[in-house]
Amino acid sequence: MKIRKDDNVLVISGKDKGKTWKVLKVLARTNKVLIEGINVVTRNYKKNWTTPGQSVKKENPLDVSNVMLVCPFTSKPTRVWFVFIEDKSWSKKFRFSKAWLKAKWWEAKDYIIK
């Protein structure tokens, strides 16, 4: 999966189409992402012996096919692929800006523009 935690993504389909926000969590097994403030639903809980009835708002996960990664250089949605570079590490390369984002494991550290 090319989307990681703390990446900015654009929602391209669904009720929140056109909104850009940060990824909170990636659910790799189910191919879904949890995005802050997107796909918010209300869950109603009945009154229990010890707790009162209440309505709780929470984010539901979205499928990865419904979001697109936003390039940090141009702030536009773009496709991405990974490139193996000389110092034996992987780099995220953006399609339209032709820029590389050097990443160590899951954290992006430095920006490299080529």
C-alpha atoms as a PDB file:
ATOM      1  CA  MET A   1       0.000   0.000   0.000  1.00  0.00           C
ATOM      2  CA  LYS A   2       1.431   3.374  -1.021  1.00  0.00           C
ATOM      3  CA  ILE A   3      -0.413   5.479   1.557  1.00  0.00           C
ATOM      4  CA  ARG A   4       1.190   5.768   5.001  1.00  0.00           C
ATOM      5  CA  LYS A   5       0.236   7.335   8.318  1.00  0.00           C
ATOM      6  CA  ASP A   6       0.453  11.179   8.398  1.00  0.00           C
ATOM      7  CA  ASP A   7       0.222  11.470   4.581  1.00  0.00           C
ATOM      8  CA  ASN A   8      -2.176  14.031   3.147  1.00  0.00           C
ATOM      9  CA  VAL A   9      -4.849  12.514   0.920  1.00  0.00           C
ATOM     10  CA  LEU A  10      -7.725  13.787  -1.232  1.00  0.00           C
ATOM     11  CA  VAL A  11     -11.082  11.964  -1.131  1.00  0.00           C
ATOM     12  CA  ILE A  12     -12.091  11.286  -4.762  1.00  0.00           C
ATOM     13  CA  SER A  13     -15.470   9.601  -4.182  1.00  0.00           C
ATOM     14  CA  GLY A  14     -18.178   9.358  -1.545  1.00  0.00           C
ATOM     15  CA  LYS A  15     -20.026  11.903   0.569  1.00  0.00           C
ATOM     16  CA  ASP A  16     -16.846  13.850   1.461  1.00  0.00           C
ATOM     17  CA  LYS A  17     -15.573  14.128  -2.131  1.00  0.00           C
ATOM     18  CA  GLY A  18     -13.019  16.896  -2.642  1.00  0.00           C
ATOM     19  CA  LYS A  19     -11.819  17.170   0.980  1.00  0.00           C
ATOM     20  CA  THR A  20      -8.121  16.922   1.809  1.00  0.00           C
ATOM     21  CA  TRP A  21      -6.955  15.747   5.220  1.00  0.00           C
ATOM     22  CA  LYS A  22      -4.364  13.695   7.124  1.00  0.00           C
ATOM     23  CA  VAL A  23      -4.361   9.891   7.480  1.00  0.00           C
ATOM     24  CA  LEU A  24      -4.702   8.772  11.115  1.00  0.00           C
ATOM     25  CA  LYS A  25      -4.371   5.021  10.649  1.00  0.00           C
ATOM     26  CA  VAL A  26      -3.803   2.531   7.830  1.00  0.00           C
ATOM     27  CA  LEU A  27      -5.623  -0.803   7.992  1.00  0.00           C
ATOM     28  CA  ALA A  28      -3.514  -2.911   5.620  1.00  0.00           C
ATOM     29  CA  ARG A  29      -5.375  -6.194   5.989  1.00  0.00           C
ATOM     30  CA  THR A  30      -8.726  -4.716   4.968  1.00  0.00           C
ATOM     31  CA  ASN A  31      -7.213  -2.182   2.493  1.00  0.00           C
ATOM     32  CA  LYS A  32      -8.769   0.787   4.295  1.00  0.00           C
ATOM     33  CA  VAL A  33      -7.574   4.088   5.762  1.00  0.00           C
ATOM     34  CA  LEU A  34      -8.902   6.130   8.671  1.00  0.00           C
ATOM     35  CA  ILE A  35      -8.871   9.862   7.882  1.00  0.00           C
ATOM     36  CA  GLU A  36      -9.286  12.623  10.454  1.00  0.00           C
ATOM     37  CA  GLY A  37     -12.679  14.378  10.099  1.00  0.00           C
ATOM     38  CA  ILE A  38     -13.774  12.388   7.014  1.00  0.00           C
ATOM     39  CA  ASN A  39     -16.661   9.867   6.821  1.00  0.00           C
ATOM     40  CA  VAL A  40     -17.964  10.827  10.283  1.00  0.00           C
ATOM     41  CA  VAL A  41     -20.975   8.811  11.472  1.00  0.00           C
ATOM     42  CA  THR A  42     -23.111   8.999  14.603  1.00  0.00           C
ATOM     43  CA  ARG A  43     -23.438   5.943  16.822  1.00  0.00           C
ATOM     44  CA  ASN A  44     -26.339   5.917  19.296  1.00  0.00           C
ATOM     45  CA  TYR A  45     -25.936   3.958  22.528  1.00  0.00           C
ATOM     46  CA  LYS A  46     -28.895   2.882  24.665  1.00  0.00           C
ATOM     47  CA  LYS A  47     -29.146   3.661  28.329  1.00  0.00           C
ATOM     48  CA  ASN A  48     -27.513   1.027  30.498  1.00  0.00           C
ATOM     49  CA  TRP A  49     -27.603   0.415  34.263  1.00  0.00           C
ATOM     50  CA  THR A  50     -24.591   2.590  34.903  1.00  0.00           C
ATOM     51  CA  THR A  51     -24.274   4.805  31.800  1.00  0.00           C
ATOM     52  CA  PRO A  52     -26.763   7.229  30.264  1.00  0.00           C
ATOM     53  CA  GLY A  53     -27.863   7.012  26.626  1.00  0.00           C
ATOM     54  CA  GLN A  54     -25.658   9.032  24.316  1.00  0.00           C
ATOM     55  CA  SER A  55     -24.730   9.802  20.710  1.00  0.00           C
ATOM     56  CA  VAL A  56     -21.068   9.427  19.789  1.00  0.00           C
ATOM     57  CA  LYS A  57     -19.500  10.713  16.547  1.00  0.00           C
ATOM     58  CA  LYS A  58     -16.624   8.709  15.082  1.00  0.00           C
ATOM     59  CA  GLU A  59     -14.735   8.288  11.809  1.00  0.00           C
ATOM     60  CA  ASN A  60     -15.365   5.197   9.724  1.00  0.00           C
ATOM     61  CA  PRO A  61     -12.562   3.836   7.543  1.00  0.00           C
ATOM     62  CA  LEU A  62     -12.571   4.522   3.785  1.00  0.00           C
ATOM     63  CA  ASP A  63     -11.349   2.171   1.095  1.00  0.00           C
ATOM     64  CA  VAL A  64      -7.925   3.026  -0.326  1.00  0.00           C
ATOM     65  CA  SER A  65      -9.359   3.195  -3.853  1.00  0.00           C
ATOM     66  CA  ASN A  66     -11.482   6.209  -2.796  1.00  0.00           C
ATOM     67  CA  VAL A  67      -8.510   8.402  -1.813  1.00  0.00           C
ATOM     68  CA  MET A  68      -5.531   9.819  -3.693  1.00  0.00           C
ATOM     69  CA  LEU A  69      -2.187  10.912  -2.300  1.00  0.00           C
ATOM     70  CA  VAL A  70      -1.425  14.661  -2.383  1.00  0.00           C
ATOM     71  CA  CYS A  71       2.065  15.718  -3.489  1.00  0.00           C
ATOM     72  CA  PRO A  72       3.770  17.819  -0.752  1.00  0.00           C
ATOM     73  CA  PHE A  73       5.600  19.895  -3.392  1.00  0.00           C
ATOM     74  CA  THR A  74       2.709  20.907  -5.661  1.00  0.00           C
ATOM     75  CA  SER A  75      -0.279  20.277  -3.325  1.00  0.00           C
ATOM     76  CA  LYS A  76      -2.074  18.423  -6.124  1.00  0.00           C
ATOM     77  CA  PRO A  77      -3.342  14.817  -6.117  1.00  0.00           C
ATOM     78  CA  THR A  78      -0.925  12.500  -7.882  1.00  0.00           C
ATOM     79  CA  ARG A  79       0.059   8.907  -8.432  1.00  0.00           C
ATOM     80  CA  VAL A  80       3.160   7.594  -6.691  1.00  0.00           C
ATOM     81  CA  TRP A  81       5.647   4.758  -6.952  1.00  0.00           C
ATOM     82  CA  PHE A  82       8.724   3.636  -5.033  1.00  0.00           C
ATOM     83  CA  VAL A  83      12.291   3.826  -6.294  1.00  0.00           C
ATOM     84  CA  PHE A  84      15.327   2.030  -4.870  1.00  0.00           C
ATOM     85  CA  ILE A  85      18.192   4.531  -4.502  1.00  0.00           C
ATOM     86  CA  GLU A  86      21.967   4.204  -4.101  1.00  0.00           C
ATOM     87  CA  ASP A  87      22.206   4.254  -0.295  1.00  0.00           C
ATOM     88  CA  LYS A  88      20.084   1.077  -0.078  1.00  0.00           C
ATOM     89  CA  SER A  89      16.847   2.792   0.907  1.00  0.00           C
ATOM     90  CA  TRP A  90      13.454   3.333  -0.717  1.00  0.00           C
ATOM     91  CA  SER A  91      12.216   6.657  -1.988  1.00  0.00           C
ATOM     92  CA  LYS A  92       8.670   7.734  -2.822  1.00  0.00           C
ATOM     93  CA  LYS A  93       8.546   9.366  -6.278  1.00  0.00           C
ATOM     94  CA  PHE A  94       5.577  11.505  -7.365  1.00  0.00           C
ATOM     95  CA  ARG A  95       4.237  11.221 -10.901  1.00  0.00           C
ATOM     96  CA  PHE A  96       3.713  14.804 -12.073  1.00  0.00           C
ATOM     97  CA  SER A  97       6.189  16.833 -10.006  1.00  0.00           C
ATOM     98  CA  LYS A  98       8.983  14.276 -10.660  1.00  0.00           C
ATOM     99  CA  ALA A  99      10.121  14.868  -7.066  1.00  0.00           C
ATOM    100  CA  TRP A 100      11.410  12.254  -4.643  1.00  0.00           C
ATOM    101  CA  LEU A 101      10.547  11.968  -0.989  1.00  0.00           C
ATOM    102  CA  LYS A 102      13.284  10.093   0.860  1.00  0.00           C
ATOM    103  CA  ALA A 103      11.800   7.737   3.454  1.00  0.00           C
ATOM    104  CA  LYS A 104      13.398   5.563   6.101  1.00  0.00           C
ATOM    105  CA  TRP A 105      11.018   2.675   6.779  1.00  0.00           C
ATOM    106  CA  TRP A 106       7.693   4.470   7.430  1.00  0.00           C
ATOM    107  CA  GLU A 107       8.829   7.983   8.380  1.00  0.00           C
ATOM    108  CA  ALA A 108       9.590  10.590   5.736  1.00  0.00           C
ATOM    109  CA  LYS A 109      12.690  12.495   6.803  1.00  0.00           C
ATOM    110  CA  ASP A 110      14.117  14.595   3.969  1.00  0.00           C
ATOM    111  CA  TYR A 111      12.844  16.043   0.732  1.00  0.00           C
ATOM    112  CA  ILE A 112      14.940  15.461  -2.360  1.00  0.00           C
ATOM    113  CA  ILE A 113      14.010  17.279  -5.570  1.00  0.00           C
ATOM    114  CA  LYS A 114      15.536  15.958  -8.801  1.00  0.00           C
END
